[in-house]
PDB file of N, CA and C in Angstrom:
ATOM      1  N   MET A   1     -65.941   7.512  75.178  1.00  0.00           N
ATOM      2  CA  MET A   1     -67.068   8.428  75.221  1.00  0.00           C
ATOM      3  C   MET A   1     -68.341   7.643  75.480  1.00  0.00           C
ATOM      4  N   GLY A   2     -68.682   7.514  76.669  1.00  0.00           N
ATOM      5  CA  GLY A   2     -69.885   6.781  77.009  1.00  0.00           C
ATOM      6  C   GLY A   2     -70.697   7.534  78.029  1.00  0.00           C
ATOM      7  N   ALA A   3     -71.327   6.767  78.876  1.00  0.00           N
ATOM      8  CA  ALA A   3     -72.175   7.355  79.908  1.00  0.00           C
ATOM      9  C   ALA A   3     -71.353   8.147  80.917  1.00  0.00           C
ATOM     10  N   SER A   4     -70.112   7.745  81.140  1.00  0.00           N
ATOM     11  CA  SER A   4     -69.280   8.471  82.106  1.00  0.00           C
ATOM     12  C   SER A   4     -68.994   9.892  81.644  1.00  0.00           C
ATOM     13  N   SER A   5     -68.817  10.097  80.340  1.00  0.00           N
ATOM     14  CA  SER A   5     -68.598  11.439  79.812  1.00  0.00           C
ATOM     15  C   SER A   5     -69.826  12.322  80.033  1.00  0.00           C
ATOM     16  N   LEU A   6     -70.994  11.744  79.840  1.00  0.00           N
ATOM     17  CA  LEU A   6     -72.230  12.497  80.045  1.00  0.00           C
ATOM     18  C   LEU A   6     -72.411  12.868  81.510  1.00  0.00           C
ATOM     19  N   ILE A   7     -72.077  11.956  82.393  1.00  0.00           N
ATOM     20  CA  ILE A   7     -72.187  12.228  83.828  1.00  0.00           C
ATOM     21  C   ILE A   7     -71.216  13.334  84.236  1.00  0.00           C
ATOM     22  N   VAL A   8     -69.987  13.273  83.738  1.00  0.00           N
ATOM     23  CA  VAL A   8     -68.997  14.307  84.043  1.00  0.00           C
ATOM     24  C   VAL A   8     -69.479  15.653  83.505  1.00  0.00           C
ATOM     25  N   LEU A   9     -70.047  15.668  82.313  1.00  0.00           N
ATOM     26  CA  LEU A   9     -70.556  16.915  81.731  1.00  0.00           C
ATOM     27  C   LEU A   9     -71.687  17.489  82.572  1.00  0.00           C
ATOM     28  N   MET A  10     -72.598  16.655  83.042  1.00  0.00           N
ATOM     29  CA  MET A  10     -73.702  17.129  83.876  1.00  0.00           C
ATOM     30  C   MET A  10     -73.194  17.677  85.207  1.00  0.00           C
ATOM     31  N   ILE A  11     -72.241  16.984  85.827  1.00  0.00           N
ATOM     32  CA  ILE A  11     -71.672  17.461  87.089  1.00  0.00           C
ATOM     33  C   ILE A  11     -70.971  18.794  86.882  1.00  0.00           C
ATOM     34  N   ALA A  12     -70.223  18.930  85.790  1.00  0.00           N
ATOM     35  CA  ALA A  12     -69.530  20.185  85.495  1.00  0.00           C
ATOM     36  C   ALA A  12     -70.525  21.318  85.256  1.00  0.00           C
ATOM     37  N   ALA A  13     -71.622  21.046  84.547  1.00  0.00           N
ATOM     38  CA  ALA A  13     -72.627  22.075  84.281  1.00  0.00           C
ATOM     39  C   ALA A  13     -73.274  22.550  85.566  1.00  0.00           C
ATOM     40  N   VAL A  14     -73.627  21.611  86.442  1.00  0.00           N
ATOM     41  CA  VAL A  14     -74.249  21.986  87.722  1.00  0.00           C
ATOM     42  C   VAL A  14     -73.248  22.750  88.588  1.00  0.00           C
ATOM     43  N   ALA A  15     -71.994  22.307  88.602  1.00  0.00           N
ATOM     44  CA  ALA A  15     -70.974  22.968  89.419  1.00  0.00           C
ATOM     45  C   ALA A  15     -70.708  24.390  88.932  1.00  0.00           C
ATOM     46  N   PHE A  16     -70.521  24.565  87.633  1.00  0.00           N
ATOM     47  CA  PHE A  16     -70.241  25.900  87.108  1.00  0.00           C
ATOM     48  C   PHE A  16     -71.406  26.861  87.330  1.00  0.00           C
ATOM     49  N   SER A  17     -72.626  26.394  87.088  1.00  0.00           N
ATOM     50  CA  SER A  17     -73.771  27.280  87.288  1.00  0.00           C
ATOM     51  C   SER A  17     -73.980  27.568  88.774  1.00  0.00           C
ATOM     52  N   GLY A  18     -73.780  26.575  89.625  1.00  0.00           N
ATOM     53  CA  GLY A  18     -73.913  26.798  91.063  1.00  0.00           C
ATOM     54  C   GLY A  18     -72.873  27.767  91.592  1.00  0.00           C
ATOM     55  N   ILE A  19     -71.636  27.625  91.133  1.00  0.00           N
ATOM     56  CA  ILE A  19     -70.578  28.547  91.554  1.00  0.00           C
ATOM     57  C   ILE A  19     -70.877  29.959  91.079  1.00  0.00           C
ATOM     58  N   ALA A  20     -71.375  30.111  89.856  1.00  0.00           N
ATOM     59  CA  ALA A  20     -71.698  31.442  89.341  1.00  0.00           C
ATOM     60  C   ALA A  20     -72.809  32.096  90.157  1.00  0.00           C
ATOM     61  N   ILE A  21     -73.818  31.334  90.534  1.00  0.00           N
ATOM     62  CA  ILE A  21     -74.906  31.880  91.350  1.00  0.00           C
ATOM     63  C   ILE A  21     -74.398  32.245  92.738  1.00  0.00           C
ATOM     64  N   LEU A  22     -73.575  31.392  93.316  1.00  0.00           N
ATOM     65  CA  LEU A  22     -73.028  31.652  94.641  1.00  0.00           C
ATOM     66  C   LEU A  22     -72.159  32.908  94.641  1.00  0.00           C
ATOM     67  N   VAL A  23     -71.297  33.060  93.651  1.00  0.00           N
ATOM     68  CA  VAL A  23     -70.436  34.244  93.568  1.00  0.00           C
ATOM     69  C   VAL A  23     -71.277  35.505  93.401  1.00  0.00           C
ATOM     70  N   SER A  24     -72.316  35.449  92.584  1.00  0.00           N
ATOM     71  CA  SER A  24     -73.155  36.635  92.397  1.00  0.00           C
ATOM     72  C   SER A  24     -73.902  36.997  93.679  1.00  0.00           C
ATOM     73  N   LYS A  25     -74.323  36.006  94.459  1.00  0.00           N
ATOM     74  CA  LYS A  25     -75.000  36.272  95.735  1.00  0.00           C
ATOM     75  C   LYS A  25     -74.033  36.901  96.745  1.00  0.00           C
ATOM     76  N   LEU A  26     -72.775  36.491  96.713  1.00  0.00           N
ATOM     77  CA  LEU A  26     -71.798  37.024  97.657  1.00  0.00           C
ATOM     78  C   LEU A  26     -71.334  38.430  97.286  1.00  0.00           C
ATOM     79  N   ILE A  27     -71.198  38.718  96.009  1.00  0.00           N
ATOM     80  CA  ILE A  27     -70.639  39.991  95.562  1.00  0.00           C
ATOM     81  C   ILE A  27     -71.690  41.097  95.486  1.00  0.00           C
ATOM     82  N   VAL A  28     -72.838  40.805  94.940  1.00  0.00           N
ATOM     83  CA  VAL A  28     -73.852  41.833  94.696  1.00  0.00           C
ATOM     84  C   VAL A  28     -74.647  42.090  95.966  1.00  0.00           C
ATOM     85  N   LYS A  29     -74.790  43.369  96.298  1.00  0.00           N
ATOM     86  CA  LYS A  29     -75.574  43.753  97.463  1.00  0.00           C
ATOM     87  C   LYS A  29     -77.055  43.701  97.097  1.00  0.00           C
ATOM     88  N   ALA A  30     -77.831  42.931  97.833  1.00  0.00           N
ATOM     89  CA  ALA A  30     -79.255  42.785  97.553  1.00  0.00           C
ATOM     90  C   ALA A  30     -80.015  43.989  98.101  1.00  0.00           C
ATOM     91  N   THR A  31     -80.842  44.590  97.265  1.00  0.00           N
ATOM     92  CA  THR A  31     -81.680  45.710  97.695  1.00  0.00           C
ATOM     93  C   THR A  31     -83.129  45.371  97.407  1.00  0.00           C
ATOM     94  N   LYS A  32     -83.969  45.820  98.286  1.00  0.00           N
ATOM     95  CA  LYS A  32     -85.407  45.628  98.098  1.00  0.00           C
ATOM     96  C   LYS A  32     -86.040  46.998  97.870  1.00  0.00           C
ATOM     97  N   ASN A  33     -86.599  47.188  96.709  1.00  0.00           N
ATOM     98  CA  ASN A  33     -87.365  48.404  96.455  1.00  0.00           C
ATOM     99  C   ASN A  33     -88.516  48.081  95.528  1.00  0.00           C
ATOM    100  N   LYS A  34     -89.472  48.985  95.448  1.00  0.00           N
ATOM    101  CA  LYS A  34     -90.680  48.702  94.676  1.00  0.00           C
ATOM    102  C   LYS A  34     -90.419  48.678  93.170  1.00  0.00           C
ATOM    103  N   HIS A  35     -89.411  49.375  92.719  1.00  0.00           N
ATOM    104  CA  HIS A  35     -89.136  49.417  91.282  1.00  0.00           C
ATOM    105  C   HIS A  35     -88.437  48.162  90.773  1.00  0.00           C
ATOM    106  N   LYS A  36     -87.790  47.445  91.671  1.00  0.00           N
ATOM    107  CA  LYS A  36     -87.051  46.259  91.262  1.00  0.00           C
ATOM    108  C   LYS A  36     -87.980  45.149  90.763  1.00  0.00           C
ATOM    109  N   GLY A  37     -89.168  45.045  91.312  1.00  0.00           N
ATOM    110  CA  GLY A  37     -90.106  44.007  90.914  1.00  0.00           C
ATOM    111  C   GLY A  37     -90.994  44.382  89.742  1.00  0.00           C
ATOM    112  N   GLN A  38     -90.862  45.601  89.243  1.00  0.00           N
ATOM    113  CA  GLN A  38     -91.697  46.067  88.143  1.00  0.00           C
ATOM    114  C   GLN A  38     -91.197  45.502  86.809  1.00  0.00           C
ATOM    115  N   PRO A  39     -92.110  45.226  85.883  1.00  0.00           N
ATOM    116  CA  PRO A  39     -91.656  44.803  84.549  1.00  0.00           C
ATOM    117  C   PRO A  39     -90.968  45.960  83.830  1.00  0.00           C
ATOM    118  N   TYR A  40     -89.978  45.622  83.039  1.00  0.00           N
ATOM    119  CA  TYR A  40     -89.178  46.635  82.347  1.00  0.00           C
ATOM    120  C   TYR A  40     -89.374  46.482  80.849  1.00  0.00           C
ATOM    121  N   GLU A  41     -89.759  47.549  80.194  1.00  0.00           N
ATOM    122  CA  GLU A  41     -89.972  47.508  78.747  1.00  0.00           C
ATOM    123  C   GLU A  41     -89.350  48.737  78.117  1.00  0.00           C
ATOM    124  N   CYS A  42     -88.146  48.621  77.658  1.00  0.00           N
ATOM    125  CA  CYS A  42     -87.457  49.665  76.884  1.00  0.00           C
ATOM    126  C   CYS A  42     -87.320  50.977  77.646  1.00  0.00           C
ATOM    127  N   GLY A  43     -87.248  50.940  78.953  1.00  0.00           N
ATOM    128  CA  GLY A  43     -87.054  52.152  79.720  1.00  0.00           C
ATOM    129  C   GLY A  43     -88.309  52.973  79.935  1.00  0.00           C
ATOM    130  N   VAL A  44     -89.433  52.521  79.445  1.00  0.00           N
ATOM    131  CA  VAL A  44     -90.684  53.256  79.601  1.00  0.00           C
ATOM    132  C   VAL A  44     -91.356  52.788  80.885  1.00  0.00           C
ATOM    133  N   PRO A  45     -91.682  53.703  81.799  1.00  0.00           N
ATOM    134  CA  PRO A  45     -92.358  53.283  83.031  1.00  0.00           C
ATOM    135  C   PRO A  45     -93.732  52.685  82.720  1.00  0.00           C
ATOM    136  N   THR A  46     -94.105  51.686  83.504  1.00  0.00           N
ATOM    137  CA  THR A  46     -95.397  51.046  83.276  1.00  0.00           C
ATOM    138  C   THR A  46     -96.517  51.921  83.811  1.00  0.00           C
ATOM    139  N   LYS A  47     -97.657  51.831  83.146  1.00  0.00           N
ATOM    140  CA  LYS A  47     -98.855  52.551  83.564  1.00  0.00           C
ATOM    141  C   LYS A  47     -99.965  51.529  83.697  1.00  0.00           C
ATOM    142  N   GLY A  48    -100.687  51.603  84.778  1.00  0.00           N
ATOM    143  CA  GLY A  48    -101.788  50.680  84.966  1.00  0.00           C
ATOM    144  C   GLY A  48    -101.320  49.373  85.570  1.00  0.00           C
ATOM    145  N   PRO A  49    -102.187  48.359  85.515  1.00  0.00           N
ATOM    146  CA  PRO A  49    -101.823  47.066  86.121  1.00  0.00           C
ATOM    147  C   PRO A  49    -100.738  46.355  85.310  1.00  0.00           C
ATOM    148  N   ASN A  50     -99.948  45.559  86.028  1.00  0.00           N
ATOM    149  CA  ASN A  50     -98.860  44.840  85.371  1.00  0.00           C
ATOM    150  C   ASN A  50     -99.350  43.615  84.614  1.00  0.00           C
ATOM    151  N   TRP A  51    -100.399  42.985  85.087  1.00  0.00           N
ATOM    152  CA  TRP A  51    -100.902  41.762  84.474  1.00  0.00           C
ATOM    153  C   TRP A  51    -102.022  42.117  83.510  1.00  0.00           C
ATOM    154  N   VAL A  52    -101.664  42.319  82.253  1.00  0.00           N
ATOM    155  CA  VAL A  52    -102.660  42.641  81.238  1.00  0.00           C
ATOM    156  C   VAL A  52    -102.641  41.553  80.180  1.00  0.00           C
ATOM    157  N   GLN A  53    -103.781  41.366  79.559  1.00  0.00           N
ATOM    158  CA  GLN A  53    -103.871  40.367  78.499  1.00  0.00           C
ATOM    159  C   GLN A  53    -103.386  40.997  77.195  1.00  0.00           C
ATOM    160  N   PHE A  54    -102.574  40.264  76.451  1.00  0.00           N
ATOM    161  CA  PHE A  54    -102.113  40.773  75.166  1.00  0.00           C
ATOM    162  C   PHE A  54    -102.612  39.870  74.051  1.00  0.00           C
ATOM    163  N   ASN A  55    -102.509  40.381  72.855  1.00  0.00           N
ATOM    164  CA  ASN A  55    -103.035  39.687  71.690  1.00  0.00           C
ATOM    165  C   ASN A  55    -102.248  38.409  71.422  1.00  0.00           C
ATOM    166  N   VAL A  56    -102.957  37.311  71.221  1.00  0.00           N
ATOM    167  CA  VAL A  56    -102.314  36.019  70.970  1.00  0.00           C
ATOM    168  C   VAL A  56    -101.690  35.979  69.574  1.00  0.00           C
ATOM    169  N   GLY A  57    -102.004  36.945  68.730  1.00  0.00           N
ATOM    170  CA  GLY A  57    -101.426  37.001  67.388  1.00  0.00           C
ATOM    171  C   GLY A  57     -99.913  37.109  67.403  1.00  0.00           C
ATOM    172  N   TYR A  58     -99.367  37.786  68.403  1.00  0.00           N
ATOM    173  CA  TYR A  58     -97.913  37.895  68.511  1.00  0.00           C
ATOM    174  C   TYR A  58     -97.286  36.525  68.757  1.00  0.00           C
ATOM    175  N   TYR A  59     -97.949  35.734  69.564  1.00  0.00           N
ATOM    176  CA  TYR A  59     -97.475  34.382  69.855  1.00  0.00           C
ATOM    177  C   TYR A  59     -97.508  33.519  68.594  1.00  0.00           C
ATOM    178  N   LEU A  60     -98.599  33.596  67.853  1.00  0.00           N
ATOM    179  CA  LEU A  60     -98.709  32.819  66.613  1.00  0.00           C
ATOM    180  C   LEU A  60     -97.667  33.258  65.595  1.00  0.00           C
ATOM    181  N   PHE A  61     -97.447  34.565  65.512  1.00  0.00           N
ATOM    182  CA  PHE A  61     -96.439  35.088  64.585  1.00  0.00           C
ATOM    183  C   PHE A  61     -95.063  34.557  64.944  1.00  0.00           C
ATOM    184  N   ALA A  62     -94.746  34.491  66.235  1.00  0.00           N
ATOM    185  CA  ALA A  62     -93.447  33.974  66.676  1.00  0.00           C
ATOM    186  C   ALA A  62     -93.317  32.489  66.364  1.00  0.00           C
ATOM    187  N   LEU A  63     -94.391  31.725  66.531  1.00  0.00           N
ATOM    188  CA  LEU A  63     -94.337  30.297  66.208  1.00  0.00           C
ATOM    189  C   LEU A  63     -94.123  30.070  64.719  1.00  0.00           C
ATOM    190  N   ILE A  64     -94.801  30.854  63.897  1.00  0.00           N
ATOM    191  CA  ILE A  64     -94.615  30.741  62.445  1.00  0.00           C
ATOM    192  C   ILE A  64     -93.157  31.062  62.084  1.00  0.00           C
ATOM    193  N   PHE A  65     -92.605  32.095  62.712  1.00  0.00           N
ATOM    194  CA  PHE A  65     -91.208  32.441  62.452  1.00  0.00           C
ATOM    195  C   PHE A  65     -90.291  31.281  62.815  1.00  0.00           C
ATOM    196  N   LEU A  66     -90.530  30.658  63.964  1.00  0.00           N
ATOM    197  CA  LEU A  66     -89.682  29.537  64.374  1.00  0.00           C
ATOM    198  C   LEU A  66     -89.784  28.365  63.407  1.00  0.00           C
ATOM    199  N   ILE A  67     -90.976  28.094  62.923  1.00  0.00           N
ATOM    200  CA  ILE A  67     -91.145  26.989  61.982  1.00  0.00           C
ATOM    201  C   ILE A  67     -90.307  27.221  60.730  1.00  0.00           C
ATOM    202  N   PHE A  68     -90.376  28.434  60.179  1.00  0.00           N
ATOM    203  CA  PHE A  68     -89.641  28.693  58.952  1.00  0.00           C
ATOM    204  C   PHE A  68     -88.159  28.938  59.214  1.00  0.00           C
ATOM    205  N   ASP A  69     -87.804  29.278  60.430  1.00  0.00           N
ATOM    206  CA  ASP A  69     -86.403  29.426  60.773  1.00  0.00           C
ATOM    207  C   ASP A  69     -85.745  28.052  60.922  1.00  0.00           C
ATOM    208  N   VAL A  70     -86.454  27.113  61.501  1.00  0.00           N
ATOM    209  CA  VAL A  70     -85.939  25.755  61.660  1.00  0.00           C
ATOM    210  C   VAL A  70     -85.802  25.075  60.295  1.00  0.00           C
ATOM    211  N   GLU A  71     -86.579  25.521  59.332  1.00  0.00           N
ATOM    212  CA  GLU A  71     -86.468  24.981  57.969  1.00  0.00           C
ATOM    213  C   GLU A  71     -85.040  25.113  57.452  1.00  0.00           C
ATOM    214  N   LEU A  72     -84.391  26.215  57.751  1.00  0.00           N
ATOM    215  CA  LEU A  72     -83.025  26.422  57.285  1.00  0.00           C
ATOM    216  C   LEU A  72     -82.054  25.428  57.913  1.00  0.00           C
ATOM    217  N   VAL A  73     -82.340  24.992  59.125  1.00  0.00           N
ATOM    218  CA  VAL A  73     -81.481  24.001  59.768  1.00  0.00           C
ATOM    219  C   VAL A  73     -81.519  22.688  58.993  1.00  0.00           C
ATOM    220  N   PHE A  74     -82.680  22.339  58.459  1.00  0.00           N
ATOM    221  CA  PHE A  74     -82.801  21.109  57.679  1.00  0.00           C
ATOM    222  C   PHE A  74     -82.339  21.290  56.234  1.00  0.00           C
ATOM    223  N   LEU A  75     -82.310  22.512  55.771  1.00  0.00           N
ATOM    224  CA  LEU A  75     -81.907  22.771  54.394  1.00  0.00           C
ATOM    225  C   LEU A  75     -80.387  22.661  54.205  1.00  0.00           C
ATOM    226  N   TYR A  76     -79.615  23.007  55.211  1.00  0.00           N
ATOM    227  CA  TYR A  76     -78.157  22.967  55.078  1.00  0.00           C
ATOM    228  C   TYR A  76     -77.616  21.553  54.857  1.00  0.00           C
ATOM    229  N   PRO A  77     -77.996  20.559  55.655  1.00  0.00           N
ATOM    230  CA  PRO A  77     -77.473  19.214  55.387  1.00  0.00           C
ATOM    231  C   PRO A  77     -77.900  18.690  54.016  1.00  0.00           C
ATOM    232  N   TRP A  78     -79.079  19.069  53.573  1.00  0.00           N
ATOM    233  CA  TRP A  78     -79.532  18.655  52.245  1.00  0.00           C
ATOM    234  C   TRP A  78     -78.603  19.239  51.178  1.00  0.00           C
ATOM    235  N   ALA A  79     -78.242  20.512  51.338  1.00  0.00           N
ATOM    236  CA  ALA A  79     -77.380  21.162  50.349  1.00  0.00           C
ATOM    237  C   ALA A  79     -75.994  20.524  50.310  1.00  0.00           C
ATOM    238  N   VAL A  80     -75.543  19.974  51.416  1.00  0.00           N
ATOM    239  CA  VAL A  80     -74.224  19.350  51.462  1.00  0.00           C
ATOM    240  C   VAL A  80     -74.208  18.032  50.684  1.00  0.00           C
ATOM    241  N   VAL A  81     -75.284  17.251  50.748  1.00  0.00           N
ATOM    242  CA  VAL A  81     -75.282  15.922  50.140  1.00  0.00           C
ATOM    243  C   VAL A  81     -76.096  15.836  48.853  1.00  0.00           C
ATOM    244  N   VAL A  82     -76.563  16.936  48.334  1.00  0.00           N
ATOM    245  CA  VAL A  82     -77.462  16.883  47.170  1.00  0.00           C
ATOM    246  C   VAL A  82     -76.787  16.260  45.947  1.00  0.00           C
ATOM    247  N   LYS A  83     -75.503  16.514  45.742  1.00  0.00           N
ATOM    248  CA  LYS A  83     -74.826  15.937  44.573  1.00  0.00           C
ATOM    249  C   LYS A  83     -74.633  14.424  44.721  1.00  0.00           C
ATOM    250  N   LYS A  84     -74.410  13.962  45.942  1.00  0.00           N
ATOM    251  CA  LYS A  84     -74.204  12.532  46.165  1.00  0.00           C
ATOM    252  C   LYS A  84     -75.505  11.747  46.014  1.00  0.00           C
ATOM    253  N   VAL A  85     -76.591  12.306  46.508  1.00  0.00           N
ATOM    254  CA  VAL A  85     -77.863  11.577  46.523  1.00  0.00           C
ATOM    255  C   VAL A  85     -78.555  11.636  45.158  1.00  0.00           C
ATOM    256  N   GLY A  86     -78.479  12.778  44.479  1.00  0.00           N
ATOM    257  CA  GLY A  86     -79.050  12.890  43.140  1.00  0.00           C
ATOM    258  C   GLY A  86     -80.519  13.276  43.135  1.00  0.00           C
ATOM    259  N   TRP A  87     -81.275  12.626  42.250  1.00  0.00           N
ATOM    260  CA  TRP A  87     -82.689  12.980  42.054  1.00  0.00           C
ATOM    261  C   TRP A  87     -83.535  12.731  43.290  1.00  0.00           C
ATOM    262  N   LEU A  88     -83.180  11.754  44.061  1.00  0.00           N
ATOM    263  CA  LEU A  88     -83.938  11.475  45.278  1.00  0.00           C
ATOM    264  C   LEU A  88     -83.912  12.675  46.236  1.00  0.00           C
ATOM    265  N   ALA A  89     -82.773  13.344  46.316  1.00  0.00           N
ATOM    266  CA  ALA A  89     -82.659  14.528  47.167  1.00  0.00           C
ATOM    267  C   ALA A  89     -83.569  15.639  46.665  1.00  0.00           C
ATOM    268  N   LEU A  90     -83.658  15.797  45.352  1.00  0.00           N
ATOM    269  CA  LEU A  90     -84.531  16.825  44.784  1.00  0.00           C
ATOM    270  C   LEU A  90     -85.997  16.522  45.096  1.00  0.00           C
ATOM    271  N   VAL A  91     -86.395  15.277  44.952  1.00  0.00           N
ATOM    272  CA  VAL A  91     -87.779  14.899  45.244  1.00  0.00           C
ATOM    273  C   VAL A  91     -88.081  15.116  46.730  1.00  0.00           C
ATOM    274  N   GLU A  92     -87.155  14.751  47.596  1.00  0.00           N
ATOM    275  CA  GLU A  92     -87.378  14.932  49.032  1.00  0.00           C
ATOM    276  C   GLU A  92     -87.511  16.393  49.407  1.00  0.00           C
ATOM    277  N   ILE A  93     -86.685  17.267  48.829  1.00  0.00           N
ATOM    278  CA  ILE A  93     -86.758  18.683  49.188  1.00  0.00           C
ATOM    279  C   ILE A  93     -88.014  19.327  48.610  1.00  0.00           C
ATOM    280  N   VAL A  94     -88.476  18.849  47.461  1.00  0.00           N
ATOM    281  CA  VAL A  94     -89.737  19.370  46.907  1.00  0.00           C
ATOM    282  C   VAL A  94     -90.900  18.988  47.827  1.00  0.00           C
ATOM    283  N   ILE A  95     -90.898  17.764  48.324  1.00  0.00           N
ATOM    284  CA  ILE A  95     -91.948  17.340  49.272  1.00  0.00           C
ATOM    285  C   ILE A  95     -91.854  18.163  50.555  1.00  0.00           C
ATOM    286  N   PHE A  96     -90.645  18.395  51.040  1.00  0.00           N
ATOM    287  CA  PHE A  96     -90.438  19.185  52.249  1.00  0.00           C
ATOM    288  C   PHE A  96     -90.971  20.605  52.077  1.00  0.00           C
ATOM    289  N   PHE A  97     -90.629  21.240  50.950  1.00  0.00           N
ATOM    290  CA  PHE A  97     -91.109  22.595  50.701  1.00  0.00           C
ATOM    291  C   PHE A  97     -92.623  22.629  50.485  1.00  0.00           C
ATOM    292  N   PHE A  98     -93.170  21.584  49.903  1.00  0.00           N
ATOM    293  CA  PHE A  98     -94.620  21.525  49.726  1.00  0.00           C
ATOM    294  C   PHE A  98     -95.335  21.491  51.081  1.00  0.00           C
ATOM    295  N   ILE A  99     -94.810  20.697  51.994  1.00  0.00           N
ATOM    296  CA  ILE A  99     -95.406  20.638  53.337  1.00  0.00           C
ATOM    297  C   ILE A  99     -95.292  21.993  54.030  1.00  0.00           C
ATOM    298  N   LEU A 100     -94.132  22.643  53.913  1.00  0.00           N
ATOM    299  CA  LEU A 100     -93.975  23.967  54.502  1.00  0.00           C
ATOM    300  C   LEU A 100     -94.908  24.981  53.858  1.00  0.00           C
ATOM    301  N   PHE A 101     -95.072  24.903  52.559  1.00  0.00           N
ATOM    302  CA  PHE A 101     -95.954  25.832  51.853  1.00  0.00           C
ATOM    303  C   PHE A 101     -97.401  25.631  52.277  1.00  0.00           C
ATOM    304  N   MET A 102     -97.797  24.383  52.477  1.00  0.00           N
ATOM    305  CA  MET A 102     -99.156  24.121  52.949  1.00  0.00           C
ATOM    306  C   MET A 102     -99.352  24.705  54.357  1.00  0.00           C
ATOM    307  N   GLY A 103     -98.349  24.604  55.204  1.00  0.00           N
ATOM    308  CA  GLY A 103     -98.421  25.231  56.523  1.00  0.00           C
ATOM    309  C   GLY A 103     -98.512  26.737  56.429  1.00  0.00           C
ATOM    310  N   PHE A 104     -97.762  27.316  55.489  1.00  0.00           N
ATOM    311  CA  PHE A 104     -97.831  28.754  55.265  1.00  0.00           C
ATOM    312  C   PHE A 104     -99.223  29.169  54.801  1.00  0.00           C
ATOM    313  N   LEU A 105     -99.801  28.416  53.871  1.00  0.00           N
ATOM    314  CA  LEU A 105    -101.158  28.736  53.403  1.00  0.00           C
ATOM    315  C   LEU A 105    -102.179  28.622  54.529  1.00  0.00           C
ATOM    316  N   TYR A 106    -102.035  27.608  55.372  1.00  0.00           N
ATOM    317  CA  TYR A 106    -102.939  27.440  56.504  1.00  0.00           C
ATOM    318  C   TYR A 106    -102.836  28.624  57.463  1.00  0.00           C
ATOM    319  N   ALA A 107    -101.591  29.036  57.766  1.00  0.00           N
ATOM    320  CA  ALA A 107    -101.396  30.175  58.671  1.00  0.00           C
ATOM    321  C   ALA A 107    -101.956  31.453  58.061  1.00  0.00           C
ATOM    322  N   HIS A 108    -101.775  31.615  56.761  1.00  0.00           N
ATOM    323  CA  HIS A 108    -102.301  32.804  56.084  1.00  0.00           C
ATOM    324  C   HIS A 108    -103.829  32.800  56.093  1.00  0.00           C
ATOM    325  N   LYS A 109    -104.428  31.635  55.884  1.00  0.00           N
ATOM    326  CA  LYS A 109    -105.887  31.509  55.887  1.00  0.00           C
ATOM    327  C   LYS A 109    -106.456  31.820  57.269  1.00  0.00           C
ATOM    328  N   LYS A 110    -105.767  31.378  58.316  1.00  0.00           N
ATOM    329  CA  LYS A 110    -106.223  31.625  59.689  1.00  0.00           C
ATOM    330  C   LYS A 110    -105.946  33.047  60.156  1.00  0.00           C
ATOM    331  N   GLY A 111    -105.165  33.816  59.385  1.00  0.00           N
ATOM    332  CA  GLY A 111    -104.873  35.200  59.747  1.00  0.00           C
ATOM    333  C   GLY A 111    -103.738  35.344  60.742  1.00  0.00           C
ATOM    334  N   ALA A 112    -102.912  34.321  60.891  1.00  0.00           N
ATOM    335  CA  ALA A 112    -101.817  34.372  61.857  1.00  0.00           C
ATOM    336  C   ALA A 112    -100.702  35.305  61.402  1.00  0.00           C
ATOM    337  N   LEU A 113    -100.645  35.646  60.138  1.00  0.00           N
ATOM    338  CA  LEU A 113     -99.568  36.498  59.634  1.00  0.00           C
ATOM    339  C   LEU A 113     -99.953  37.960  59.572  1.00  0.00           C
ATOM    340  N   LYS A 114    -101.166  38.308  59.970  1.00  0.00           N
ATOM    341  CA  LYS A 114    -101.580  39.714  60.002  1.00  0.00           C
ATOM    342  C   LYS A 114    -101.070  40.343  61.270  1.00  0.00           C
ATOM    343  N   TRP A 115    -100.304  41.423  61.118  1.00  0.00           N
ATOM    344  CA  TRP A 115     -99.762  42.117  62.269  1.00  0.00           C
ATOM    345  C   TRP A 115    -100.838  43.046  62.825  1.00  0.00           C
ATOM    346  N   VAL A 116    -101.138  42.864  64.098  1.00  0.00           N
ATOM    347  CA  VAL A 116    -102.234  43.620  64.717  1.00  0.00           C
ATOM    348  C   VAL A 116    -101.716  44.865  65.369  1.00  0.00           C
TER     349      VAL A 116
END
């Protein structure tokens, strides 16, 4: 398992994705109509211009969600080795949660968690 495995994996990924795109181009009949280029949102037809500015609060809310969602990825390995490591693991997770809590307080202070 070295560099050759990685090269084979990359070649396979490019080949499979290229073949899938090629097959879809050959099978599906391409049509050009004005509705095909329109943005689609839950089946509701768009009204007005397509390029509108939206509230950046949604973006901040999504970033906050990702931060706290990724926290669980780091929490699982800790839970697996907590008995082996002992008190050091407890101190590390308390520091980790403290940093996350400070980020939560900062986001709350900035108003990023208010749904607009």
